[in-house]
PDB file of all heavy atoms in Angstrom:
ATOM      1  N   GLU A   1       0.818  -1.205   0.000  1.00  0.00           N
ATOM      2  CA  GLU A   1       0.000  -0.003  -0.001  1.00  0.00           C
ATOM      3  C   GLU A   1       0.860   1.258   0.001  1.00  0.00           C
ATOM      4  O   GLU A   1       2.068   1.209   0.204  1.00  0.00           O
ATOM      5  CB  GLU A   1      -0.899   0.001   1.248  1.00  0.00           C
ATOM      6  CG  GLU A   1      -0.110   0.023   2.537  1.00  0.00           C
ATOM      7  CD  GLU A   1      -0.982  -0.113   3.774  1.00  0.00           C
ATOM      8  OE1 GLU A   1      -2.172  -0.377   3.630  1.00  0.00           O
ATOM      9  OE2 GLU A   1      -0.444   0.044   4.892  1.00  0.00           O
ATOM     10  N   GLY A   2       0.214   2.383  -0.234  1.00  0.00           N
ATOM     11  CA  GLY A   2       0.914   3.651  -0.189  1.00  0.00           C
ATOM     12  C   GLY A   2       0.944   4.208   1.220  1.00  0.00           C
ATOM     13  O   GLY A   2      -0.002   4.015   2.008  1.00  0.00           O
ATOM     14  N   LEU A   3       2.049   4.864   1.584  1.00  0.00           N
ATOM     15  CA  LEU A   3       2.211   5.491   2.900  1.00  0.00           C
ATOM     16  C   LEU A   3       2.180   7.010   2.734  1.00  0.00           C
ATOM     17  O   LEU A   3       2.768   7.540   1.807  1.00  0.00           O
ATOM     18  CB  LEU A   3       3.534   5.078   3.541  1.00  0.00           C
ATOM     19  CG  LEU A   3       3.796   3.576   3.720  1.00  0.00           C
ATOM     20  CD1 LEU A   3       5.239   3.363   4.166  1.00  0.00           C
ATOM     21  CD2 LEU A   3       2.832   2.975   4.728  1.00  0.00           C
ATOM     22  N   GLU A   4       1.496   7.684   3.651  1.00  0.00           N
ATOM     23  CA  GLU A   4       1.478   9.141   3.602  1.00  0.00           C
ATOM     24  C   GLU A   4       2.842   9.711   3.991  1.00  0.00           C
ATOM     25  O   GLU A   4       3.276  10.725   3.458  1.00  0.00           O
ATOM     26  CB  GLU A   4       0.391   9.696   4.535  1.00  0.00           C
ATOM     27  CG  GLU A   4      -1.023   9.287   4.144  1.00  0.00           C
ATOM     28  CD  GLU A   4      -1.422   9.778   2.761  1.00  0.00           C
ATOM     29  OE1 GLU A   4      -0.924  10.868   2.349  1.00  0.00           O
ATOM     30  OE2 GLU A   4      -2.190   9.077   2.074  1.00  0.00           O
ATOM     31  N   ARG A   5       3.521   9.027   4.945  1.00  0.00           N
ATOM     32  CA  ARG A   5       4.856   9.435   5.413  1.00  0.00           C
ATOM     33  C   ARG A   5       5.677   8.182   5.672  1.00  0.00           C
ATOM     34  O   ARG A   5       5.143   7.115   6.010  1.00  0.00           O
ATOM     35  CB  ARG A   5       4.774  10.248   6.707  1.00  0.00           C
ATOM     36  CG  ARG A   5       3.923  11.496   6.622  1.00  0.00           C
ATOM     37  CD  ARG A   5       3.883  12.227   7.972  1.00  0.00           C
ATOM     38  NE  ARG A   5       3.616  11.321   9.072  1.00  0.00           N
ATOM     39  CZ  ARG A   5       2.392  10.900   9.422  1.00  0.00           C
ATOM     40  NH1 ARG A   5       1.330  11.319   8.749  1.00  0.00           N
ATOM     41  NH2 ARG A   5       2.241  10.082  10.442  1.00  0.00           N
ATOM     42  N   ILE A   6       6.987   8.313   5.578  1.00  0.00           N
ATOM     43  CA  ILE A   6       7.848   7.149   5.758  1.00  0.00           C
ATOM     44  C   ILE A   6       7.830   6.639   7.182  1.00  0.00           C
ATOM     45  O   ILE A   6       8.059   5.446   7.430  1.00  0.00           O
ATOM     46  CB  ILE A   6       9.298   7.476   5.308  1.00  0.00           C
ATOM     47  CG1 ILE A   6      10.121   6.188   5.186  1.00  0.00           C
ATOM     48  CG2 ILE A   6       9.956   8.464   6.243  1.00  0.00           C
ATOM     49  CD1 ILE A   6       9.587   5.208   4.189  1.00  0.00           C
ATOM     50  N   ASP A   7       7.519   7.510   8.163  1.00  0.00           N
ATOM     51  CA  ASP A   7       7.505   7.044   9.559  1.00  0.00           C
ATOM     52  C   ASP A   7       6.309   6.140   9.860  1.00  0.00           C
ATOM     53  O   ASP A   7       6.190   5.610  10.963  1.00  0.00           O
ATOM     54  CB  ASP A   7       7.559   8.229  10.535  1.00  0.00           C
ATOM     55  CG  ASP A   7       6.428   9.221  10.327  1.00  0.00           C
ATOM     56  OD1 ASP A   7       5.422   8.860   9.672  1.00  0.00           O
ATOM     57  OD2 ASP A   7       6.557  10.367  10.799  1.00  0.00           O
ATOM     58  N   GLN A   8       5.415   5.945   8.902  1.00  0.00           N
ATOM     59  CA  GLN A   8       4.324   4.992   9.075  1.00  0.00           C
ATOM     60  C   GLN A   8       4.777   3.558   8.810  1.00  0.00           C
ATOM     61  O   GLN A   8       4.032   2.617   9.075  1.00  0.00           O
ATOM     62  CB  GLN A   8       3.167   5.340   8.118  1.00  0.00           C
ATOM     63  CG  GLN A   8       2.457   6.639   8.466  1.00  0.00           C
ATOM     64  CD  GLN A   8       1.335   6.944   7.482  1.00  0.00           C
ATOM     65  OE1 GLN A   8       1.432   6.648   6.285  1.00  0.00           O
ATOM     66  NE2 GLN A   8       0.265   7.543   7.972  1.00  0.00           N
ATOM     67  N   LEU A   9       5.989   3.413   8.292  1.00  0.00           N
ATOM     68  CA  LEU A   9       6.520   2.082   8.024  1.00  0.00           C
ATOM     69  C   LEU A   9       6.773   1.350   9.332  1.00  0.00           C
ATOM     70  O   LEU A   9       7.351   1.899  10.260  1.00  0.00           O
ATOM     71  CB  LEU A   9       7.820   2.195   7.224  1.00  0.00           C
ATOM     72  CG  LEU A   9       8.354   0.926   6.562  1.00  0.00           C
ATOM     73  CD1 LEU A   9       7.405   0.442   5.480  1.00  0.00           C
ATOM     74  CD2 LEU A   9       9.741   1.175   5.962  1.00  0.00           C
ATOM     75  N   LYS A  10       6.328   0.113   9.417  1.00  0.00           N
ATOM     76  CA  LYS A  10       6.474  -0.677  10.639  1.00  0.00           C
ATOM     77  C   LYS A  10       7.746  -1.514  10.590  1.00  0.00           C
ATOM     78  O   LYS A  10       8.377  -1.662   9.549  1.00  0.00           O
ATOM     79  CB  LYS A  10       5.258  -1.579  10.821  1.00  0.00           C
ATOM     80  CG  LYS A  10       3.954  -0.807  11.012  1.00  0.00           C
ATOM     81  CD  LYS A  10       2.767  -1.744  11.114  1.00  0.00           C
ATOM     82  CE  LYS A  10       1.469  -0.965  11.264  1.00  0.00           C
ATOM     83  NZ  LYS A  10       0.285  -1.856  11.319  1.00  0.00           N
ATOM     84  N   LYS A  11       8.092  -2.044  11.752  1.00  0.00           N
ATOM     85  CA  LYS A  11       9.307  -2.839  11.889  1.00  0.00           C
ATOM     86  C   LYS A  11       9.301  -4.023  10.919  1.00  0.00           C
ATOM     87  O   LYS A  11       8.292  -4.702  10.755  1.00  0.00           O
ATOM     88  CB  LYS A  11       9.444  -3.331  13.332  1.00  0.00           C
ATOM     89  CG  LYS A  11      10.760  -4.043  13.616  1.00  0.00           C
ATOM     90  CD  LYS A  11      10.852  -4.457  15.072  1.00  0.00           C
ATOM     91  CE  LYS A  11      12.183  -5.159  15.346  1.00  0.00           C
ATOM     92  NZ  LYS A  11      12.302  -5.574  16.767  1.00  0.00           N
ATOM     93  N   SER A  12      10.461  -4.252  10.275  1.00  0.00           N
ATOM     94  CA  SER A  12      10.695  -5.361   9.336  1.00  0.00           C
ATOM     95  C   SER A  12       9.955  -5.196   8.005  1.00  0.00           C
ATOM     96  O   SER A  12       9.885  -6.137   7.219  1.00  0.00           O
ATOM     97  CB  SER A  12      10.315  -6.708   9.971  1.00  0.00           C
ATOM     98  OG  SER A  12      11.081  -6.939  11.130  1.00  0.00           O
ATOM     99  N   GLU A  13       9.405  -4.010   7.779  1.00  0.00           N
ATOM    100  CA  GLU A  13       8.715  -3.772   6.518  1.00  0.00           C
ATOM    101  C   GLU A  13       9.629  -3.055   5.521  1.00  0.00           C
ATOM    102  O   GLU A  13      10.530  -2.317   5.909  1.00  0.00           O
ATOM    103  CB  GLU A  13       7.452  -2.942   6.735  1.00  0.00           C
ATOM    104  CG  GLU A  13       6.338  -3.719   7.426  1.00  0.00           C
ATOM    105  CD  GLU A  13       5.061  -2.900   7.542  1.00  0.00           C
ATOM    106  OE1 GLU A  13       5.138  -1.658   7.513  1.00  0.00           O
ATOM    107  OE2 GLU A  13       3.986  -3.529   7.645  1.00  0.00           O
ATOM    108  N   LEU A  14       9.350  -3.276   4.237  1.00  0.00           N
ATOM    109  CA  LEU A  14      10.113  -2.666   3.147  1.00  0.00           C
ATOM    110  C   LEU A  14       9.297  -1.549   2.498  1.00  0.00           C
ATOM    111  O   LEU A  14       8.068  -1.584   2.486  1.00  0.00           O
ATOM    112  CB  LEU A  14      10.444  -3.708   2.081  1.00  0.00           C
ATOM    113  CG  LEU A  14      11.385  -4.858   2.489  1.00  0.00           C
ATOM    114  CD1 LEU A  14      11.389  -5.933   1.415  1.00  0.00           C
ATOM    115  CD2 LEU A  14      12.795  -4.347   2.726  1.00  0.00           C
ATOM    116  N   ALA A  15      10.011  -0.574   1.953  1.00  0.00           N
ATOM    117  CA  ALA A  15       9.322   0.518   1.257  1.00  0.00           C
ATOM    118  C   ALA A  15      10.242   1.181   0.241  1.00  0.00           C
ATOM    119  O   ALA A  15      11.463   1.212   0.414  1.00  0.00           O
ATOM    120  CB  ALA A  15       8.808   1.551   2.255  1.00  0.00           C
ATOM    121  N   TRP A  16       9.606   1.703  -0.800  1.00  0.00           N
ATOM    122  CA  TRP A  16      10.283   2.596  -1.731  1.00  0.00           C
ATOM    123  C   TRP A  16      10.088   4.016  -1.227  1.00  0.00           C
ATOM    124  O   TRP A  16       8.971   4.413  -0.896  1.00  0.00           O
ATOM    125  CB  TRP A  16       9.698   2.478  -3.136  1.00  0.00           C
ATOM    126  CG  TRP A  16       9.976   1.183  -3.826  1.00  0.00           C
ATOM    127  CD1 TRP A  16       9.101   0.167  -4.070  1.00  0.00           C
ATOM    128  CD2 TRP A  16      11.232   0.772  -4.380  1.00  0.00           C
ATOM    129  NE1 TRP A  16       9.726  -0.857  -4.722  1.00  0.00           N
ATOM    130  CE2 TRP A  16      11.043  -0.508  -4.939  1.00  0.00           C
ATOM    131  CE3 TRP A  16      12.505   1.357  -4.462  1.00  0.00           C
ATOM    132  CZ2 TRP A  16      12.061  -1.218  -5.559  1.00  0.00           C
ATOM    133  CZ3 TRP A  16      13.527   0.650  -5.081  1.00  0.00           C
ATOM    134  CH2 TRP A  16      13.307  -0.614  -5.630  1.00  0.00           C
ATOM    135  N   THR A  17      11.161   4.786  -1.135  1.00  0.00           N
ATOM    136  CA  THR A  17      11.065   6.140  -0.619  1.00  0.00           C
ATOM    137  C   THR A  17      12.084   7.052  -1.281  1.00  0.00           C
ATOM    138  O   THR A  17      13.089   6.583  -1.822  1.00  0.00           O
ATOM    139  CB  THR A  17      11.258   6.164   0.911  1.00  0.00           C
ATOM    140  OG1 THR A  17      11.048   7.483   1.408  1.00  0.00           O
ATOM    141  CG2 THR A  17      12.671   5.713   1.282  1.00  0.00           C
ATOM    142  N   THR A  18      11.784   8.336  -1.228  1.00  0.00           N
ATOM    143  CA  THR A  18      12.753   9.351  -1.674  1.00  0.00           C
ATOM    144  C   THR A  18      13.238  10.169  -0.482  1.00  0.00           C
ATOM    145  O   THR A  18      13.967  11.140  -0.650  1.00  0.00           O
ATOM    146  CB  THR A  18      12.107  10.314  -2.686  1.00  0.00           C
ATOM    147  OG1 THR A  18      11.027  11.006  -2.053  1.00  0.00           O
ATOM    148  CG2 THR A  18      11.587   9.573  -3.898  1.00  0.00           C
ATOM    149  N   GLU A  19      12.806   9.784   0.728  1.00  0.00           N
ATOM    150  CA  GLU A  19      13.071  10.575   1.931  1.00  0.00           C
ATOM    151  C   GLU A  19      14.469  10.290   2.457  1.00  0.00           C
ATOM    152  O   GLU A  19      14.685   9.420   3.293  1.00  0.00           O
ATOM    153  CB  GLU A  19      12.018  10.244   3.004  1.00  0.00           C
ATOM    154  CG  GLU A  19      12.072  11.130   4.230  1.00  0.00           C
ATOM    155  CD  GLU A  19      11.945  12.595   3.887  1.00  0.00           C
ATOM    156  OE1 GLU A  19      10.867  13.044   3.483  1.00  0.00           O
ATOM    157  OE2 GLU A  19      12.978  13.284   4.011  1.00  0.00           O
ATOM    158  N   PHE A  20      15.441  11.027   1.946  1.00  0.00           N
ATOM    159  CA  PHE A  20      16.829  10.805   2.346  1.00  0.00           C
ATOM    160  C   PHE A  20      17.115  11.310   3.758  1.00  0.00           C
ATOM    161  O   PHE A  20      17.862  10.707   4.502  1.00  0.00           O
ATOM    162  CB  PHE A  20      17.783  11.509   1.362  1.00  0.00           C
ATOM    163  CG  PHE A  20      17.582  11.069  -0.048  1.00  0.00           C
ATOM    164  CD1 PHE A  20      17.136  11.966  -1.005  1.00  0.00           C
ATOM    165  CD2 PHE A  20      17.827   9.762  -0.433  1.00  0.00           C
ATOM    166  CE1 PHE A  20      16.956  11.570  -2.310  1.00  0.00           C
ATOM    167  CE2 PHE A  20      17.645   9.360  -1.735  1.00  0.00           C
ATOM    168  CZ  PHE A  20      17.211  10.268  -2.684  1.00  0.00           C
ATOM    169  N   LYS A  21      16.541  12.450   4.120  1.00  0.00           N
ATOM    170  CA  LYS A  21      16.818  13.092   5.405  1.00  0.00           C
ATOM    171  C   LYS A  21      16.407  12.189   6.561  1.00  0.00           C
ATOM    172  O   LYS A  21      17.139  12.022   7.535  1.00  0.00           O
ATOM    173  CB  LYS A  21      16.079  14.428   5.491  1.00  0.00           C
ATOM    174  CG  LYS A  21      16.371  15.205   6.764  1.00  0.00           C
ATOM    175  CD  LYS A  21      15.645  16.550   6.749  1.00  0.00           C
ATOM    176  CE  LYS A  21      15.919  17.309   8.042  1.00  0.00           C
ATOM    177  NZ  LYS A  21      15.203  18.603   8.068  1.00  0.00           N
ATOM    178  N   GLU A  22      15.236  11.601   6.452  1.00  0.00           N
ATOM    179  CA  GLU A  22      14.724  10.747   7.526  1.00  0.00           C
ATOM    180  C   GLU A  22      15.649   9.550   7.736  1.00  0.00           C
ATOM    181  O   GLU A  22      15.953   9.174   8.848  1.00  0.00           O
ATOM    182  CB  GLU A  22      13.317  10.268   7.165  1.00  0.00           C
ATOM    183  CG  GLU A  22      12.657   9.387   8.234  1.00  0.00           C
ATOM    184  CD  GLU A  22      12.261  10.183   9.459  1.00  0.00           C
ATOM    185  OE1 GLU A  22      12.078  11.409   9.350  1.00  0.00           O
ATOM    186  OE2 GLU A  22      12.160   9.578  10.537  1.00  0.00           O
ATOM    187  N   ILE A  23      16.105   8.979   6.636  1.00  0.00           N
ATOM    188  CA  ILE A  23      16.978   7.813   6.734  1.00  0.00           C
ATOM    189  C   ILE A  23      18.333   8.201   7.322  1.00  0.00           C
ATOM    190  O   ILE A  23      18.890   7.516   8.170  1.00  0.00           O
ATOM    191  CB  ILE A  23      17.168   7.181   5.333  1.00  0.00           C
ATOM    192  CG1 ILE A  23      15.808   6.721   4.796  1.00  0.00           C
ATOM    193  CG2 ILE A  23      18.126   6.011   5.379  1.00  0.00           C
ATOM    194  CD1 ILE A  23      15.845   6.345   3.342  1.00  0.00           C
ATOM    195  N   LYS A  24      18.853   9.341   6.867  1.00  0.00           N
ATOM    196  CA  LYS A  24      20.171   9.790   7.309  1.00  0.00           C
ATOM    197  C   LYS A  24      20.201  10.072   8.804  1.00  0.00           C
ATOM    198  O   LYS A  24      21.168   9.779   9.493  1.00  0.00           O
ATOM    199  CB  LYS A  24      20.562  11.054   6.535  1.00  0.00           C
ATOM    200  CG  LYS A  24      21.967  11.547   6.835  1.00  0.00           C
ATOM    201  CD  LYS A  24      22.299  12.755   5.964  1.00  0.00           C
ATOM    202  CE  LYS A  24      23.699  13.274   6.277  1.00  0.00           C
ATOM    203  NZ  LYS A  24      24.026  14.464   5.446  1.00  0.00           N
ATOM    204  N   ASN A  25      19.125  10.647   9.314  1.00  0.00           N
ATOM    205  CA  ASN A  25      19.084  11.030  10.729  1.00  0.00           C
ATOM    206  C   ASN A  25      18.704   9.877  11.648  1.00  0.00           C
ATOM    207  O   ASN A  25      18.679  10.013  12.870  1.00  0.00           O
ATOM    208  CB  ASN A  25      18.095  12.188  10.931  1.00  0.00           C
ATOM    209  CG  ASN A  25      18.584  13.453  10.248  1.00  0.00           C
ATOM    210  OD1 ASN A  25      19.765  13.596   9.999  1.00  0.00           O
ATOM    211  ND2 ASN A  25      17.660  14.359   9.955  1.00  0.00           N
ATOM    212  N   ASN A  26      18.335   8.758  11.085  1.00  0.00           N
ATOM    213  CA  ASN A  26      17.921   7.606  11.897  1.00  0.00           C
ATOM    214  C   ASN A  26      18.605   6.339  11.377  1.00  0.00           C
ATOM    215  O   ASN A  26      17.953   5.395  10.949  1.00  0.00           O
ATOM    216  CB  ASN A  26      16.401   7.440  11.852  1.00  0.00           C
ATOM    217  CG  ASN A  26      15.669   8.612  12.468  1.00  0.00           C
ATOM    218  OD1 ASN A  26      15.467   8.661  13.676  1.00  0.00           O
ATOM    219  ND2 ASN A  26      15.276   9.564  11.618  1.00  0.00           N
ATOM    220  N   ASN A  27      19.925   6.370  11.424  1.00  0.00           N
ATOM    221  CA  ASN A  27      20.676   5.240  10.876  1.00  0.00           C
ATOM    222  C   ASN A  27      20.352   3.923  11.560  1.00  0.00           C
ATOM    223  O   ASN A  27      20.462   2.856  10.966  1.00  0.00           O
ATOM    224  CB  ASN A  27      22.185   5.499  10.981  1.00  0.00           C
ATOM    225  CG  ASN A  27      22.631   6.565   9.988  1.00  0.00           C
ATOM    226  OD1 ASN A  27      22.088   6.645   8.906  1.00  0.00           O
ATOM    227  ND2 ASN A  27      23.600   7.385  10.389  1.00  0.00           N
ATOM    228  N   ASP A  28      19.972   3.996  12.820  1.00  0.00           N
ATOM    229  CA  ASP A  28      19.668   2.773  13.553  1.00  0.00           C
ATOM    230  C   ASP A  28      18.279   2.256  13.225  1.00  0.00           C
ATOM    231  O   ASP A  28      17.968   1.102  13.530  1.00  0.00           O
ATOM    232  CB  ASP A  28      19.789   3.024  15.061  1.00  0.00           C
ATOM    233  CG  ASP A  28      21.220   3.354  15.470  1.00  0.00           C
ATOM    234  OD1 ASP A  28      22.135   2.913  14.753  1.00  0.00           O
ATOM    235  OD2 ASP A  28      21.398   4.065  16.480  1.00  0.00           O
ATOM    236  N   SER A  29      17.445   3.104  12.655  1.00  0.00           N
ATOM    237  CA  SER A  29      16.055   2.716  12.404  1.00  0.00           C
ATOM    238  C   SER A  29      15.841   2.163  10.996  1.00  0.00           C
ATOM    239  O   SER A  29      14.960   1.337  10.785  1.00  0.00           O
ATOM    240  CB  SER A  29      15.126   3.921  12.603  1.00  0.00           C
ATOM    241  OG  SER A  29      15.247   4.422  13.920  1.00  0.00           O
ATOM    242  N   TYR A  30      16.643   2.622  10.040  1.00  0.00           N
ATOM    243  CA  TYR A  30      16.433   2.237   8.651  1.00  0.00           C
ATOM    244  C   TYR A  30      17.718   1.700   8.040  1.00  0.00           C
ATOM    245  O   TYR A  30      18.821   2.127   8.394  1.00  0.00           O
ATOM    246  CB  TYR A  30      15.962   3.439   7.827  1.00  0.00           C
ATOM    247  CG  TYR A  30      14.644   4.018   8.276  1.00  0.00           C
ATOM    248  CD1 TYR A  30      14.612   5.119   9.134  1.00  0.00           C
ATOM    249  CD2 TYR A  30      13.448   3.484   7.836  1.00  0.00           C
ATOM    250  CE1 TYR A  30      13.412   5.675   9.547  1.00  0.00           C
ATOM    251  CE2 TYR A  30      12.235   4.027   8.235  1.00  0.00           C
ATOM    252  CZ  TYR A  30      12.225   5.114   9.088  1.00  0.00           C
ATOM    253  OH  TYR A  30      11.029   5.648   9.490  1.00  0.00           O
ATOM    254  N   GLU A  31      17.517   0.799   7.110  1.00  0.00           N
ATOM    255  CA  GLU A  31      18.648   0.262   6.352  1.00  0.00           C
ATOM    256  C   GLU A  31      18.318   0.364   4.859  1.00  0.00           C
ATOM    257  O   GLU A  31      17.236  -0.044   4.434  1.00  0.00           O
ATOM    258  CB  GLU A  31      18.904  -1.198   6.714  1.00  0.00           C
ATOM    259  CG  GLU A  31      20.054  -1.821   5.924  1.00  0.00           C
ATOM    260  CD  GLU A  31      20.233  -3.298   6.230  1.00  0.00           C
ATOM    261  OE1 GLU A  31      19.570  -3.808   7.163  1.00  0.00           O
ATOM    262  OE2 GLU A  31      21.019  -3.948   5.515  1.00  0.00           O
ATOM    263  N   VAL A  32      19.231   0.927   4.107  1.00  0.00           N
ATOM    264  CA  VAL A  32      19.044   1.008   2.659  1.00  0.00           C
ATOM    265  C   VAL A  32      19.399  -0.344   2.049  1.00  0.00           C
ATOM    266  O   VAL A  32      20.527  -0.791   2.131  1.00  0.00           O
ATOM    267  CB  VAL A  32      19.909   2.125   2.036  1.00  0.00           C
ATOM    268  CG1 VAL A  32      19.738   2.129   0.517  1.00  0.00           C
ATOM    269  CG2 VAL A  32      19.539   3.477   2.617  1.00  0.00           C
ATOM    270  N   ILE A  33      18.404  -0.965   1.441  1.00  0.00           N
ATOM    271  CA  ILE A  33      18.596  -2.290   0.834  1.00  0.00           C
ATOM    272  C   ILE A  33      19.159  -2.170  -0.580  1.00  0.00           C
ATOM    273  O   ILE A  33      20.043  -2.926  -0.979  1.00  0.00           O
ATOM    274  CB  ILE A  33      17.261  -3.070   0.798  1.00  0.00           C
ATOM    275  CG1 ILE A  33      16.704  -3.226   2.218  1.00  0.00           C
ATOM    276  CG2 ILE A  33      17.448  -4.439   0.143  1.00  0.00           C
ATOM    277  CD1 ILE A  33      17.603  -3.980   3.154  1.00  0.00           C
ATOM    278  N   TYR A  34      18.647  -1.185  -1.321  1.00  0.00           N
ATOM    279  CA  TYR A  34      19.130  -1.034  -2.701  1.00  0.00           C
ATOM    280  C   TYR A  34      18.896   0.388  -3.184  1.00  0.00           C
ATOM    281  O   TYR A  34      17.841   0.977  -2.959  1.00  0.00           O
ATOM    282  CB  TYR A  34      18.405  -2.000  -3.647  1.00  0.00           C
ATOM    283  CG  TYR A  34      18.986  -2.000  -5.041  1.00  0.00           C
ATOM    284  CD1 TYR A  34      20.177  -2.666  -5.311  1.00  0.00           C
ATOM    285  CD2 TYR A  34      18.352  -1.333  -6.083  1.00  0.00           C
ATOM    286  CE1 TYR A  34      20.724  -2.662  -6.589  1.00  0.00           C
ATOM    287  CE2 TYR A  34      18.893  -1.326  -7.365  1.00  0.00           C
ATOM    288  CZ  TYR A  34      20.081  -1.992  -7.603  1.00  0.00           C
ATOM    289  OH  TYR A  34      20.627  -1.987  -8.868  1.00  0.00           O
ATOM    290  N   GLU A  35      19.920   0.956  -3.827  1.00  0.00           N
ATOM    291  CA  GLU A  35      19.781   2.238  -4.507  1.00  0.00           C
ATOM    292  C   GLU A  35      20.659   2.222  -5.748  1.00  0.00           C
ATOM    293  O   GLU A  35      21.685   1.548  -5.798  1.00  0.00           O
ATOM    294  CB  GLU A  35      20.156   3.397  -3.587  1.00  0.00           C
ATOM    295  CG  GLU A  35      21.576   3.372  -3.076  1.00  0.00           C
ATOM    296  CD  GLU A  35      21.879   4.575  -2.176  1.00  0.00           C
ATOM    297  OE1 GLU A  35      21.381   5.682  -2.494  1.00  0.00           O
ATOM    298  OE2 GLU A  35      22.600   4.413  -1.192  1.00  0.00           O
ATOM    299  N   ASN A  36      20.217   2.965  -6.756  1.00  0.00           N
ATOM    300  CA  ASN A  36      20.920   2.958  -8.037  1.00  0.00           C
ATOM    301  C   ASN A  36      20.562   4.238  -8.784  1.00  0.00           C
ATOM    302  O   ASN A  36      19.450   4.749  -8.648  1.00  0.00           O
ATOM    303  CB  ASN A  36      20.518   1.721  -8.854  1.00  0.00           C
ATOM    304  CG  ASN A  36      21.284   1.608 -10.141  1.00  0.00           C
ATOM    305  OD1 ASN A  36      20.892   2.212 -11.139  1.00  0.00           O
ATOM    306  ND2 ASN A  36      22.373   0.849 -10.135  1.00  0.00           N
ATOM    307  N   ASP A  37      21.479   4.725  -9.595  1.00  0.00           N
ATOM    308  CA  ASP A  37      21.237   5.963 -10.345  1.00  0.00           C
ATOM    309  C   ASP A  37      20.024   5.845 -11.278  1.00  0.00           C
ATOM    310  O   ASP A  37      19.315   6.822 -11.508  1.00  0.00           O
ATOM    311  CB  ASP A  37      22.471   6.345 -11.154  1.00  0.00           C
ATOM    312  CG  ASP A  37      23.603   6.869 -10.279  1.00  0.00           C
ATOM    313  OD1 ASP A  37      23.317   7.243  -9.123  1.00  0.00           O
ATOM    314  OD2 ASP A  37      24.748   6.888 -10.744  1.00  0.00           O
ATOM    315  N   ILE A  38      19.812   4.647 -11.824  1.00  0.00           N
ATOM    316  CA  ILE A  38      18.696   4.439 -12.747  1.00  0.00           C
ATOM    317  C   ILE A  38      17.361   4.598 -12.022  1.00  0.00           C
ATOM    318  O   ILE A  38      16.366   5.054 -12.598  1.00  0.00           O
ATOM    319  CB  ILE A  38      18.770   3.038 -13.397  1.00  0.00           C
ATOM    320  CG1 ILE A  38      20.094   2.864 -14.156  1.00  0.00           C
ATOM    321  CG2 ILE A  38      17.594   2.805 -14.343  1.00  0.00           C
ATOM    322  CD1 ILE A  38      20.289   3.856 -15.275  1.00  0.00           C
ATOM    323  N   LEU A  39      17.331   4.214 -10.732  1.00  0.00           N
ATOM    324  CA  LEU A  39      16.086   4.267  -9.959  1.00  0.00           C
ATOM    325  C   LEU A  39      15.872   5.603  -9.245  1.00  0.00           C
ATOM    326  O   LEU A  39      14.811   5.829  -8.658  1.00  0.00           O
ATOM    327  CB  LEU A  39      16.046   3.138  -8.919  1.00  0.00           C
ATOM    328  CG  LEU A  39      16.212   1.706  -9.439  1.00  0.00           C
ATOM    329  CD1 LEU A  39      16.066   0.723  -8.294  1.00  0.00           C
ATOM    330  CD2 LEU A  39      15.201   1.402 -10.524  1.00  0.00           C
ATOM    331  N   LYS A  40      16.886   6.461  -9.237  1.00  0.00           N
ATOM    332  CA  LYS A  40      16.766   7.737  -8.539  1.00  0.00           C
ATOM    333  C   LYS A  40      15.531   8.503  -9.025  1.00  0.00           C
ATOM    334  O   LYS A  40      15.221   8.471 -10.207  1.00  0.00           O
ATOM    335  CB  LYS A  40      18.028   8.590  -8.766  1.00  0.00           C
ATOM    336  CG  LYS A  40      19.163   8.234  -7.834  1.00  0.00           C
ATOM    337  CD  LYS A  40      20.327   9.202  -8.056  1.00  0.00           C
ATOM    338  CE  LYS A  40      21.477   8.918  -7.095  1.00  0.00           C
ATOM    339  NZ  LYS A  40      22.612   9.842  -7.291  1.00  0.00           N
TER     340      LYS A  40
END
């Protein structure tokens, strides 16, 4: 489903996001599984 905000993502769940700031400031909360220039 679609999320209104990335912080709605629950533990052990995957998501596509463009929210770099949230991920950067919460390194312990999120893990980047895959990123690529083609998908940017």
